[in-house]
Amino acid sequence: MVVVRDDPGSRINLRTMKALCVDSNAQGLEIMSQTLFGFGVEKIARATTGEEAKAILSKQTVDLMLIDATLSDMSGFDLVRWLRTINLEPNRYTPVIAVTGHTLQSQIVSARDCGAHFVVAKPMTPTILMDRILWVARGGRMFVEAENFIGPDRRFKHDGVPEGVGRRREDLSSTVGKATQPNLSQDEVNDVVKPQRASL
């Protein structure tokens, strides 16, 4: 994975990065791939289904994944859950950016809870995507393996669960129904996903 220094004058080189783009929509897959190519990423694998993505991940190592939330054979969230729980190292720790056209809070929470690093709303802008890639490249989030969650630490601090507060026993359903509320803006999506200090 590319490591970025916090030096404003430093430049990032993504040529050595290996990326996997997963989208059942041909146009969406092309946009993902061309955006990464524009950033300088030269090694980009493509998959149109979750099963194709699994086959690629079983054969080669990737440094970054872009996954559409709605695939033709499974949800993108289910693919991320599979990745986090399967014994495919180092791919199970690969940073994942979920891309979705329906930014309802319930779907954003599902993306966070499946182990994705970030959620980006469609239409995906290069600026937003580059910001997320740079944030992941800077590191700083520990990888958590717990009974009901495997993925990047969602907490602001690494002090563990406060005394007297338990974890939930079941993950939220990843099934997406008809919209019952307006979509969230990208800023609202970011507020749901990014680690925040809790007031106790």
Protein backbone atom coordinates (compact mmCIF):
# COMPACT_ATOMS: atom_id res chain seq x y z
CA MET A 1 0.00 0.00 0.00
CA VAL A 2 1.17 3.54 -0.68
CA VAL A 3 2.23 5.52 2.40
CA VAL A 4 1.68 9.28 2.37
CA ARG A 5 3.63 11.75 4.48
CA ASP A 6 1.83 14.72 6.03
CA ASP A 7 4.07 17.08 4.10
CA PRO A 8 1.96 19.51 2.03
CA GLY A 9 4.67 19.62 -0.64
CA SER A 10 4.99 15.84 -1.00
CA ARG A 11 3.56 14.06 -4.02
CA ILE A 12 1.92 10.68 -4.13
CA ASN A 13 2.72 8.06 -6.74
CA LEU A 14 -0.01 5.44 -7.27
CA ARG A 15 1.65 3.65 -10.20
CA THR A 16 2.57 0.62 -8.10
CA MET A 17 -0.90 0.27 -6.57
CA LYS A 18 -3.02 -2.74 -7.58
CA ALA A 19 -6.73 -1.96 -7.56
CA LEU A 20 -9.91 -3.99 -8.02
CA CYS A 21 -13.09 -2.32 -9.28
CA VAL A 22 -16.38 -4.19 -8.89
CA ASP A 23 -19.60 -2.97 -10.53
CA SER A 24 -22.30 -4.84 -12.45
CA ASN A 25 -23.04 -1.72 -14.48
CA ALA A 26 -20.61 -1.42 -17.42
CA GLN A 27 -20.67 2.38 -17.37
CA GLY A 28 -20.11 2.51 -13.61
CA LEU A 29 -17.21 0.06 -13.90
CA GLU A 30 -15.63 2.18 -16.63
CA ILE A 31 -15.96 5.36 -14.54
CA MET A 32 -14.31 3.69 -11.54
CA SER A 33 -11.46 2.31 -13.65
CA GLN A 34 -10.83 5.49 -15.62
CA THR A 35 -10.83 7.61 -12.47
CA LEU A 36 -8.15 5.40 -10.90
CA PHE A 37 -6.23 5.36 -14.19
CA GLY A 38 -6.33 9.17 -14.17
CA PHE A 39 -4.71 9.06 -10.71
CA GLY A 40 -1.84 7.06 -12.19
CA VAL A 41 -2.94 3.57 -11.13
CA GLU A 42 -1.77 1.22 -13.89
CA LYS A 43 -2.80 -2.19 -12.53
CA ILE A 44 -6.59 -2.31 -12.36
CA ALA A 45 -8.56 -5.55 -12.25
CA ARG A 46 -12.29 -5.43 -13.08
CA ALA A 47 -15.19 -7.61 -11.99
CA THR A 48 -18.88 -7.35 -12.88
CA THR A 49 -20.15 -9.74 -10.17
CA GLY A 50 -19.29 -10.67 -6.62
CA GLU A 51 -18.25 -14.14 -7.75
CA GLU A 52 -15.82 -12.70 -10.32
CA ALA A 53 -14.36 -10.48 -7.60
CA LYS A 54 -13.94 -13.48 -5.27
CA ALA A 55 -12.08 -15.36 -7.99
CA ILE A 56 -9.72 -12.42 -8.57
CA LEU A 57 -9.10 -11.96 -4.85
CA SER A 58 -8.32 -15.66 -4.49
CA LYS A 59 -5.57 -15.42 -7.13
CA GLN A 60 -3.94 -12.02 -6.71
CA THR A 61 -3.18 -9.41 -4.07
CA VAL A 62 -4.82 -5.99 -4.32
CA ASP A 63 -4.07 -2.74 -2.47
CA LEU A 64 -7.45 -1.02 -2.90
CA MET A 65 -11.00 -2.03 -3.79
CA LEU A 66 -13.88 0.05 -5.13
CA ILE A 67 -17.15 -1.86 -4.80
CA ASP A 68 -20.61 -0.81 -5.92
CA ALA A 69 -23.17 -1.47 -3.20
CA THR A 70 -25.58 -3.21 -5.60
CA LEU A 71 -24.16 -6.07 -7.66
CA SER A 72 -26.14 -8.43 -9.88
CA ASP A 73 -25.47 -11.53 -7.75
CA MET A 74 -25.06 -10.15 -4.22
CA SER A 75 -24.82 -6.88 -2.34
CA GLY A 76 -21.46 -5.16 -2.26
CA PHE A 77 -21.73 -5.21 1.53
CA ASP A 78 -21.97 -9.02 1.52
CA LEU A 79 -18.85 -9.15 -0.64
CA VAL A 80 -16.98 -6.99 1.89
CA ARG A 81 -18.18 -9.21 4.76
CA TRP A 82 -16.91 -12.27 2.86
CA LEU A 83 -13.56 -10.57 2.29
CA ARG A 84 -13.17 -9.66 5.95
CA THR A 85 -14.00 -13.16 7.25
CA ILE A 86 -12.26 -15.36 4.67
CA ASN A 87 -8.66 -16.44 5.29
CA LEU A 88 -7.14 -14.63 2.30
CA GLU A 89 -4.20 -12.68 3.59
CA PRO A 90 -3.28 -9.94 2.96
CA ASN A 91 -6.45 -9.26 0.92
CA ARG A 92 -8.77 -9.52 3.92
CA TYR A 93 -7.16 -6.29 5.21
CA THR A 94 -7.41 -4.43 1.90
CA PRO A 95 -8.95 -0.94 2.15
CA VAL A 96 -12.44 -0.92 0.63
CA ILE A 97 -14.37 2.09 -0.62
CA ALA A 98 -18.06 1.35 -1.17
CA VAL A 99 -19.80 3.34 -3.91
CA THR A 100 -23.56 3.80 -3.72
CA GLY A 101 -26.28 5.72 -5.49
CA HIS A 102 -28.66 5.42 -2.51
CA THR A 103 -27.17 7.24 0.45
CA LEU A 104 -29.88 6.50 2.98
CA GLN A 105 -28.49 6.46 6.51
CA SER A 106 -29.46 2.80 6.96
CA GLN A 107 -27.39 1.85 3.91
CA ILE A 108 -24.42 3.93 5.02
CA VAL A 109 -24.51 2.24 8.43
CA SER A 110 -24.65 -1.15 6.70
CA ALA A 111 -21.56 -0.21 4.68
CA ARG A 112 -19.72 0.86 7.80
CA ASP A 113 -20.73 -2.29 9.68
CA CYS A 114 -19.64 -4.68 6.91
CA GLY A 115 -16.04 -3.46 7.24
CA ALA A 116 -15.71 -0.88 4.46
CA HIS A 117 -13.36 2.04 5.07
CA PHE A 118 -15.46 4.70 3.37
CA VAL A 119 -18.68 5.24 1.45
CA VAL A 120 -18.72 7.50 -1.60
CA ALA A 121 -22.00 8.69 -3.09
CA LYS A 122 -22.73 8.65 -6.80
CA PRO A 123 -22.03 10.56 -8.93
CA MET A 124 -18.49 9.89 -7.72
CA THR A 125 -16.19 12.87 -8.17
CA PRO A 126 -12.42 12.39 -8.59
CA THR A 127 -11.72 14.90 -5.80
CA ILE A 128 -13.80 13.01 -3.24
CA LEU A 129 -12.31 9.66 -4.27
CA MET A 130 -8.73 10.96 -4.10
CA ASP A 131 -9.39 12.44 -0.65
CA ARG A 132 -10.57 9.02 0.58
CA ILE A 133 -7.60 7.20 -0.97
CA LEU A 134 -5.16 9.65 0.62
CA TRP A 135 -6.87 9.28 4.00
CA VAL A 136 -6.55 5.49 3.83
CA ALA A 137 -2.92 5.73 2.65
CA ARG A 138 -2.01 7.86 5.66
CA GLY A 139 -3.10 4.97 7.88
CA GLY A 140 -3.81 5.36 11.54
CA ARG A 141 -6.90 3.14 11.83
CA MET A 142 -6.28 -0.18 13.51
CA PHE A 143 -7.92 -3.30 12.09
CA VAL A 144 -10.43 -4.77 14.54
CA GLU A 145 -11.41 -8.42 14.76
CA ALA A 146 -14.34 -8.95 17.13
CA GLU A 147 -17.23 -11.39 17.42
CA ASN A 148 -19.61 -9.32 15.30
CA PHE A 149 -17.28 -7.03 13.37
CA ILE A 150 -14.11 -7.31 11.32
CA GLY A 151 -12.74 -4.18 9.70
CA PRO A 152 -11.17 -0.77 10.33
CA ASP A 153 -11.67 0.65 13.81
CA ARG A 154 -14.80 2.82 13.85
CA ARG A 155 -13.99 4.43 17.19
CA PHE A 156 -12.33 7.80 17.63
CA LYS A 157 -9.96 6.47 20.28
CA HIS A 158 -8.65 2.96 20.81
CA ASP A 159 -9.75 2.70 24.45
CA GLY A 160 -12.29 -0.06 23.85
CA VAL A 161 -15.98 -0.13 24.70
CA PRO A 162 -16.91 2.02 27.74
CA GLU A 163 -17.73 0.05 30.88
CA GLY A 164 -21.37 -1.02 31.00
CA VAL A 165 -21.89 -0.66 27.24
CA GLY A 166 -22.33 -3.90 25.31
CA ARG A 167 -21.97 -4.64 21.61
CA ARG A 168 -24.97 -5.66 19.57
CA ARG A 169 -25.38 -9.35 18.77
CA GLU A 170 -26.60 -9.08 15.17
CA ASP A 171 -25.33 -7.09 12.21
CA LEU A 172 -27.83 -4.87 10.46
CA SER A 173 -29.47 -6.37 7.40
CA SER A 174 -27.86 -5.41 4.11
CA THR A 175 -31.14 -5.79 2.23
CA VAL A 176 -32.08 -2.48 0.64
CA GLY A 177 -35.77 -1.74 0.13
CA LYS A 178 -37.57 1.25 -1.32
CA ALA A 179 -36.44 4.64 -0.08
CA THR A 180 -38.41 5.93 2.89
CA GLN A 181 -36.37 9.08 3.39
CA PRO A 182 -34.27 11.43 1.24
CA ASN A 183 -30.71 10.49 0.31
CA LEU A 184 -27.90 11.91 2.42
CA SER A 185 -25.44 14.40 0.99
CA GLN A 186 -21.74 13.38 0.72
CA ASP A 187 -20.98 15.49 3.82
CA GLU A 188 -23.70 13.65 5.77
CA VAL A 189 -22.34 10.31 4.51
CA ASN A 190 -18.88 11.30 5.75
CA ASP A 191 -20.27 12.24 9.18
CA VAL A 192 -21.85 8.79 9.57
CA VAL A 193 -18.72 6.85 8.52
CA LYS A 194 -15.82 8.83 9.97
CA PRO A 195 -14.67 8.11 13.53
CA GLN A 196 -16.11 10.61 15.98
CA ARG A 197 -15.53 11.38 19.64
CA ALA A 198 -18.41 10.07 21.75
CA SER A 199 -19.96 12.09 24.55
CA LEU A 200 -20.59 9.87 27.56
